[in-house]
Structure formats: C-alpha cells, structure tokens
Protein backbone atom coordinates (compact mmCIF):
# COMPACT_ATOMS: atom_id res chain seq x y z
CA MET A 1 11.93 7.87 3.37
CA THR A 2 9.91 5.64 1.05
CA CYS A 3 11.14 3.94 -2.09
CA GLU A 4 9.09 6.37 -4.20
CA GLN A 5 10.83 9.34 -2.53
CA LEU A 6 14.27 7.81 -3.10
CA ALA A 7 13.66 6.88 -6.74
CA SER A 8 14.72 10.35 -7.95
CA VAL A 9 18.25 10.01 -6.43
CA TYR A 10 19.23 6.57 -7.76
CA GLU A 11 21.33 8.17 -10.54
CA GLU A 12 23.13 10.49 -8.09
CA TYR A 13 23.98 7.52 -5.87
CA ALA A 14 25.25 5.56 -8.86
CA LEU A 15 27.45 8.55 -9.80
CA GLY A 16 28.81 8.74 -6.25
CA VAL A 17 27.66 12.32 -5.64
CA LEU A 18 24.72 11.67 -3.30
CA GLU A 19 25.34 12.92 0.23
CA GLY A 20 23.64 13.57 3.55
CA GLU A 21 20.38 12.12 4.75
CA GLU A 22 19.26 10.88 1.32
CA ARG A 23 22.44 8.78 0.94
CA ALA A 24 22.01 7.33 4.45
CA GLU A 25 18.37 6.50 3.78
CA LEU A 26 19.13 4.84 0.44
CA GLU A 27 22.00 2.80 1.85
CA ALA A 28 19.70 1.64 4.66
CA HIS A 29 17.25 0.39 2.01
CA LEU A 30 20.08 -1.36 0.16
CA THR A 31 21.40 -2.93 3.39
CA ARG A 32 18.08 -4.65 4.02
CA VAL A 33 17.95 -5.68 0.33
CA CYS A 34 14.90 -3.59 -0.52
CA PRO A 35 13.76 -5.07 -3.89
CA THR A 36 12.61 -1.70 -5.29
CA CYS A 37 15.72 0.32 -4.38
CA THR A 38 18.15 -2.52 -5.13
CA SER A 39 16.82 -2.95 -8.67
CA GLY A 40 16.50 0.83 -9.13
CA VAL A 41 20.14 1.47 -8.18
CA ALA A 42 21.25 -1.42 -10.39
CA GLU A 43 19.44 0.09 -13.38
CA ALA A 44 20.87 3.53 -12.57
CA ARG A 45 24.40 2.08 -12.53
CA VAL A 46 23.84 0.55 -15.96
CA VAL A 47 22.65 3.92 -17.29
CA VAL A 48 25.59 5.77 -15.71
CA ALA A 49 28.02 3.21 -17.12
CA GLN A 50 26.68 3.89 -20.61
CA LEU A 51 26.94 7.69 -20.34
CA ALA A 52 30.57 7.78 -21.43
CA HIS A 53 29.68 5.78 -24.55
CA ALA A 54 26.62 7.92 -25.21
CA ALA A 55 28.58 11.18 -25.36
CA PRO A 56 29.70 12.08 -28.92
CA ASP A 57 33.43 12.13 -29.78
CA ALA A 58 34.72 15.67 -29.44
CA GLN A 59 37.44 17.03 -31.71
CA PRO A 60 39.60 19.86 -30.34
CA PRO A 61 38.95 23.15 -32.19
CA ALA A 62 41.36 24.07 -34.96
CA ALA A 63 42.26 27.25 -33.08
CA LEU A 64 43.70 25.17 -30.25
CA ARG A 65 46.45 23.71 -32.48
CA GLY A 66 47.26 27.17 -33.80
CA LYS A 67 47.59 28.61 -30.30
CA ILE A 68 49.90 25.82 -29.15
CA MET A 69 52.11 26.04 -32.27
CA GLY A 70 52.25 29.81 -31.90
CA ALA A 71 53.34 29.45 -28.30
CA VAL A 72 55.99 26.93 -29.31
CA LYS A 73 57.34 29.20 -32.09
CA SER A 74 57.51 32.32 -29.94
CA SER A 75 59.15 30.40 -27.12
CA GLY A 76 61.63 28.89 -29.56
CA ASP A 77 62.61 32.36 -30.85
CA ALA A 78 63.09 33.50 -27.29
CA ALA A 79 65.27 30.50 -26.55
CA THR A 80 67.48 31.24 -29.61
CA HIS A 81 67.89 34.85 -28.49
CA VAL A 82 68.85 33.81 -24.96
CA THR A 83 71.40 31.31 -26.32
CA SER A 84 73.03 34.05 -28.44
CA VAL A 85 73.28 36.41 -25.51
CA GLU A 86 74.74 33.70 -23.30
CA ARG A 87 77.53 33.06 -25.84
CA ARG A 88 78.53 36.72 -25.72
CA ARG A 89 78.02 37.12 -21.98
CA PRO A 90 78.73 33.84 -20.19
CA ALA A 91 78.22 35.43 -16.78
CA VAL A 92 74.48 36.17 -17.30
CA GLN A 93 72.32 34.22 -14.80
CA ARG A 94 70.02 31.56 -16.23
CA PRO A 95 66.25 32.31 -16.19
CA MET A 96 64.33 30.95 -13.19
CA PHE A 97 61.90 29.09 -15.54
CA PRO A 98 63.35 27.43 -18.67
CA PRO A 99 61.57 27.98 -22.03
CA TRP A 100 60.18 24.46 -22.13
CA ALA A 101 58.35 25.14 -18.85
CA TRP A 102 56.53 28.13 -20.38
CA ILE A 103 55.59 26.01 -23.40
CA ALA A 104 54.21 23.26 -21.19
CA ALA A 105 52.31 25.76 -19.04
CA ALA A 106 50.71 27.42 -22.07
CA ALA A 107 49.68 24.08 -23.55
CA LEU A 108 48.33 22.89 -20.19
CA ALA A 109 46.27 26.07 -19.76
CA LEU A 110 44.73 25.72 -23.21
CA LEU A 111 43.97 22.04 -22.75
CA THR A 112 42.52 22.65 -19.29
CA GLY A 113 40.13 25.28 -20.64
CA TYR A 114 39.06 22.96 -23.44
CA THR A 115 38.53 20.08 -20.98
CA ILE A 116 36.42 22.25 -18.66
CA ARG A 117 34.19 23.24 -21.57
CA GLN A 118 33.79 19.60 -22.57
CA MET A 119 32.92 18.61 -18.99
CA GLY A 120 30.30 21.36 -18.87
CA SER A 121 28.76 20.05 -22.07
CA GLN A 122 28.69 16.47 -20.72
CA ASN A 123 27.11 17.64 -17.44
CA THR A 124 24.39 19.37 -19.44
CA GLN A 125 23.78 16.19 -21.42
CA LEU A 126 23.65 14.17 -18.19
CA ALA A 127 21.08 16.55 -16.66
CA GLU A 128 18.96 16.32 -19.80
CA LEU A 129 19.19 12.52 -19.76
CA ARG A 130 18.07 12.40 -16.13
CA LYS A 131 15.16 14.70 -16.94
CA GLU A 132 14.09 12.42 -19.79
CA MET A 133 14.39 9.35 -17.55
CA ARG A 134 12.18 10.91 -14.88
CA LEU A 135 9.62 11.94 -17.47
CA ALA A 136 9.59 8.42 -18.90
CA THR A 137 9.11 7.04 -15.37
CA LEU A 138 6.14 9.33 -14.75
CA GLN A 139 4.60 8.43 -18.10
CA ASN A 140 5.03 4.72 -17.39
CA GLN A 141 3.43 5.11 -13.94
CA ALA A 142 0.48 7.02 -15.44
CA LEU A 143 0.03 4.26 -18.03
CA GLN A 144 0.11 1.57 -15.34
CA ASN A 145 -2.50 3.48 -13.31
CA GLN A 146 -4.75 3.81 -16.35
CA LEU A 147 -4.43 0.11 -17.14
CA GLU A 148 -5.36 -0.77 -13.57
CA THR A 149 -8.39 1.55 -13.71
CA ASP A 150 -9.52 0.01 -16.99
CA ARG A 151 -9.19 -3.46 -15.49
CA MET A 152 -11.31 -2.49 -12.49
CA VAL A 153 -13.97 -0.86 -14.70
CA SER A 154 -14.16 -3.98 -16.86
CA SER A 155 -14.52 -6.21 -13.79
CA VAL A 156 -17.51 -4.22 -12.52
CA MET A 157 -19.09 -3.96 -15.98
CA LEU A 158 -18.86 -7.70 -16.63
CA SER A 159 -19.91 -8.86 -13.17
CA PRO A 160 -23.33 -10.62 -13.17
CA GLY A 161 -24.20 -8.77 -9.96
CA SER A 162 -23.85 -5.29 -11.48
CA MET A 163 -26.82 -3.08 -12.27
CA PRO A 164 -26.31 -1.16 -15.57
CA LEU A 165 -27.72 2.37 -15.68
CA LYS A 166 -27.82 5.11 -18.29
CA LEU A 167 -27.45 8.65 -16.97
CA MET A 168 -29.32 10.77 -19.48
CA PRO A 169 -28.10 14.31 -20.11
CA LYS A 170 -30.35 17.31 -19.54
CA ASP A 171 -28.67 18.94 -22.53
CA LYS A 172 -29.40 16.79 -25.60
CA ASN A 173 -26.08 17.86 -27.14
CA MET A 174 -24.18 16.14 -24.33
CA PRO A 175 -23.17 12.45 -24.46
CA MET A 176 -24.73 9.78 -22.26
CA VAL A 177 -22.92 8.59 -19.12
CA HIS A 178 -23.00 4.85 -18.32
CA ALA A 179 -22.94 3.52 -14.76
CA TYR A 180 -22.63 -0.03 -13.40
CA VAL A 181 -23.55 -0.41 -9.73
CA HIS A 182 -22.34 -3.44 -7.76
CA PRO A 183 -23.14 -3.77 -4.03
CA GLN A 184 -19.61 -5.01 -3.17
CA MET A 185 -17.34 -3.89 -6.05
CA GLY A 186 -18.62 -0.29 -6.19
CA VAL A 187 -19.86 1.82 -9.07
CA ALA A 188 -18.10 2.12 -12.44
CA ILE A 189 -18.62 5.22 -14.60
CA THR A 190 -17.76 5.46 -18.32
CA ALA A 191 -18.36 8.09 -20.98
CA ASP A 192 -16.93 9.25 -24.31
CA GLN A 193 -16.73 12.59 -26.12
CA MET A 194 -17.26 14.57 -22.94
CA PRO A 195 -16.65 18.32 -23.18
CA SER A 196 -13.60 19.79 -21.45
CA LEU A 197 -14.04 21.67 -18.19
CA PRO A 198 -12.43 24.89 -16.92
CA SER A 199 -9.66 24.27 -14.37
CA ALA A 200 -11.90 25.74 -11.63
CA ARG A 201 -14.76 23.26 -12.28
CA THR A 202 -15.22 19.51 -11.81
CA LEU A 203 -17.90 16.83 -12.15
CA GLN A 204 -19.32 15.14 -9.06
CA LEU A 205 -21.29 11.88 -8.83
CA TRP A 206 -24.09 11.62 -6.27
CA PHE A 207 -26.24 8.78 -4.97
CA VAL A 208 -29.71 10.17 -4.23
CA PRO A 209 -31.47 8.16 -1.49
CA LYS A 210 -35.19 7.68 -1.19
CA LYS A 211 -35.01 9.70 2.00
CA GLY A 212 -32.38 12.21 3.07
CA GLN A 213 -29.62 14.22 1.41
CA PRO A 214 -27.60 13.14 -1.68
CA MET A 215 -24.35 11.33 -0.90
CA SER A 216 -21.17 12.29 -2.77
CA VAL A 217 -19.52 9.26 -4.37
CA ALA A 218 -16.75 10.59 -6.65
CA ILE A 219 -15.19 13.73 -8.11
CA PHE A 220 -13.82 13.38 -11.65
CA ARG A 221 -12.93 15.15 -14.89
CA PRO A 222 -12.75 13.95 -18.51
CA ASP A 223 -9.24 13.24 -19.78
CA THR A 224 -7.68 15.05 -22.74
CA THR A 225 -9.54 12.79 -25.18
CA GLY A 226 -12.94 13.42 -23.55
CA GLN A 227 -13.15 9.99 -21.91
CA ILE A 228 -14.24 9.09 -18.38
CA ALA A 229 -13.41 5.76 -16.71
CA LEU A 230 -13.46 5.33 -12.94
CA VAL A 231 -14.51 3.02 -10.15
CA ALA A 232 -15.65 4.36 -6.75
CA SER A 233 -16.86 2.67 -3.60
CA PHE A 234 -20.11 3.64 -1.86
CA HIS A 235 -21.82 2.93 1.42
CA MET A 236 -25.55 2.86 0.79
CA PRO A 237 -27.83 -0.19 0.56
CA MET A 238 -28.92 -0.81 -3.01
CA ASN A 239 -32.59 -0.79 -2.07
CA GLU A 240 -32.25 2.72 -0.62
CA ILE A 241 -30.84 4.30 -3.82
CA ALA A 242 -33.47 6.26 -5.72
CA ALA A 243 -31.25 7.78 -8.42
CA LEU A 244 -27.73 8.56 -9.61
CA ALA A 245 -26.90 12.14 -10.60
CA VAL A 246 -23.89 14.08 -11.89
CA THR A 247 -23.52 17.80 -11.27
CA GLU A 248 -20.91 20.36 -12.24
CA GLU A 249 -19.27 21.77 -9.10
CA PRO A 250 -16.34 24.00 -8.09
CA ALA A 251 -12.91 22.35 -8.15
CA GLY A 252 -12.56 20.05 -5.15
CA GLY A 253 -16.26 19.22 -5.07
CA SER A 254 -19.10 20.29 -2.77
CA PRO A 255 -20.66 18.80 0.38
CA GLN A 256 -24.05 19.03 -1.33
CA PRO A 257 -25.01 19.77 -4.96
CA THR A 258 -24.84 23.46 -5.86
CA ALA A 259 -26.44 23.06 -9.30
CA ALA A 260 -29.19 21.07 -10.94
CA PRO A 261 -28.10 17.60 -12.15
CA ALA A 262 -26.61 17.57 -15.64
CA TRP A 263 -27.03 13.74 -15.91
CA VAL A 264 -29.59 11.61 -14.06
CA ALA A 265 -30.54 7.90 -13.93
CA GLN A 266 -33.47 6.54 -11.89
CA VAL A 267 -32.69 3.38 -9.91
CA ASN A 268 -35.72 2.34 -7.80
C-alpha cells in the first residue's frame, strides 16, 4: 500500500485500534523510516493525545444523585427492619448478600450507564474530528495542486519562447480564451468569467494541423468561479500547427470534434 492509501488510518494506529493488513503495511513503512508515514503517525499521536483535553468537562445529571440517595435510603430502611427482626428471632439466617452490597451494586450500575453514555458521546466527537481532519487534508491538497498549476502556467506565459494566442469566441457574449504555446513546455490556457457547464459536458482543446485531423490536447472545465488555468503537453511541430480550437464535447471528451469550434485562434 502507498503512503497516500495509509494516510487515512494514521489516527486509528495512534489510538491502537488498527488491525489486519493495514496495520502490517503501516508498521512496515514505519520500520523502514518512511518520512511520510513516520511524520503522519507522529502528528496523529499528537492529535490523539489532545483529544482528552479537547472533550468538555461533563457533570453527572442531577437525577443520578437522587437515584443513588434513594437507593441508600431504601436499603437503610431495609437494614433497620432486618436488625429488628434479628433481635426478636436470633435464629433467622443472615441474608446471602448484605445491604451494603446492594447499595454498591445499584451505584455501580448507575455510574456504569452514565460512563457508557459519556464514552458514546466522546466517540462521536472523535469521529467528527477525524472527518474534519480528512476534509482539511483534502482541501490542503487541492490548494497545493492549484498553486502548482498556477506556477506552471506562469512559467509558460513568461517564457520568451512562448507564442501568445487569443482564441476568439464565436458567441460575442462569451469571454476570450488566452493560449501560450511553447515547443518544449507545452501550451498554457487561461480564461475568466467562463460560463458553467452541465455535468454531462466538457470543453476540449484541439490543435488543428495544416494537413490531417485535429489532435486532442486537453479536456477541461471552468472552476466554480468561472476561471480556467491549465498546462498541457503536445506532440506536434510548431510549424505544422494551423490553428487552436476549443469545442464543447460530451463528458470524457471525443476522439474528434463533434461540434463547431466555440473558440478559435489562427497560428500559421
């Protein structure tokens, strides 16, 4: 198993509840001092160590004290009655369980029930905390991916060897798409205020050669803010590219365009 696959069980290992194949795999990573898993388990242990301090102080319900005192009082009355009978009839056999044992049993039962409820509440809080941690991890990974994409786009845009192109929309109400073509670094595409697409549709970038069929370069969709930023590699000599085009295609893309280009830029 990879470090990414084991990342979701670090907390379970730190709690000591991880078993089976996942535990064996993780311990194998730790044995060879895997930097990712070693640091991940260390962080999980810190989080687990703080869980007891994170849980709010719980006060026993007022009814619990009343139940215990009631049990004590009723048991005390019973003990007084038994003592009186024993004075009149010395030969009566003693009860198998003394009154104090019943008192202790009643108190233990009440406290056990209360403790189980508290443990259930803490387990729920722990599950919620783990869910939030995983969500935060996914959000951080998505941010890191976006930062890396932005860095790559900027590198292509600012390279002296890049050819800037403007893909003009067929619909004048649509925004312009910018492209930067570099023979080694690939093609960078940027756009703002793009309309949202149905889940069953996607945008597809094509390189149109001077001779032959269009070549698919990338499949992409605007993000939730209407922005596009991507870098894609291509395998076509620059002097053979006649145009760049973007079409709207079914989700997953098409081997060849199924619609007229919505954005086009002439190259040579």
